[in-house]
Amino acid sequence: KDGPYYWHIKSGTIQREPPEVPLNSKIENRRSFVKDQDS
């Protein structure tokens, strides 16, 4: 709960900006993003 996060229930990923592109192209990018934030 740090900042405006958007939880994607279908993909199980988290992103800060609202979904505006197909999740297909964001899933991999978001996974690495979440790992970076988790560190």
Protein backbone atom coordinates (compact mmCIF):
# COMPACT_ATOMS: atom_id res chain seq x y z
CA LYS A 1 0.00 0.00 0.00
CA ASP A 2 2.74 2.43 -0.97
CA GLY A 3 1.26 4.96 -3.35
CA PRO A 4 -1.40 4.51 -6.02
CA TYR A 5 -1.08 0.85 -6.96
CA TYR A 6 -3.41 -1.00 -9.28
CA TRP A 7 -3.77 -4.70 -8.57
CA HIS A 8 -4.46 -6.84 -11.62
CA ILE A 9 -6.46 -9.78 -10.37
CA LYS A 10 -6.38 -11.57 -13.72
CA SER A 11 -2.61 -11.39 -14.11
CA GLY A 12 -1.74 -11.13 -10.43
CA THR A 13 0.54 -8.17 -11.01
CA ILE A 14 0.73 -4.66 -9.59
CA GLN A 15 1.34 -1.42 -11.43
CA ARG A 16 1.30 2.24 -10.46
CA GLU A 17 -0.31 3.75 -13.53
CA PRO A 18 -3.84 2.88 -14.67
CA PRO A 19 -4.05 0.08 -17.25
CA GLU A 20 -4.05 1.71 -20.66
CA VAL A 21 -2.29 -0.93 -22.78
CA PRO A 22 -2.99 -4.66 -23.22
CA LEU A 23 -1.95 -6.61 -20.12
CA ASN A 24 -0.06 -9.00 -22.38
CA SER A 25 2.62 -6.40 -23.04
CA LYS A 26 2.73 -5.21 -19.43
CA ILE A 27 2.82 -8.45 -17.43
CA GLU A 28 6.55 -9.16 -17.80
CA ASN A 29 7.45 -5.52 -17.27
CA ARG A 30 5.23 -5.28 -14.20
CA ARG A 31 6.66 -8.44 -12.63
CA SER A 32 10.18 -7.04 -12.71
CA PHE A 33 8.80 -3.73 -11.44
CA VAL A 34 7.16 -5.39 -8.46
CA LYS A 35 10.35 -7.30 -7.62
CA ASP A 36 12.30 -4.05 -7.73
CA GLN A 37 9.85 -2.35 -5.38
CA ASP A 38 9.84 -5.33 -3.03
CA SER A 39 13.60 -5.11 -2.47
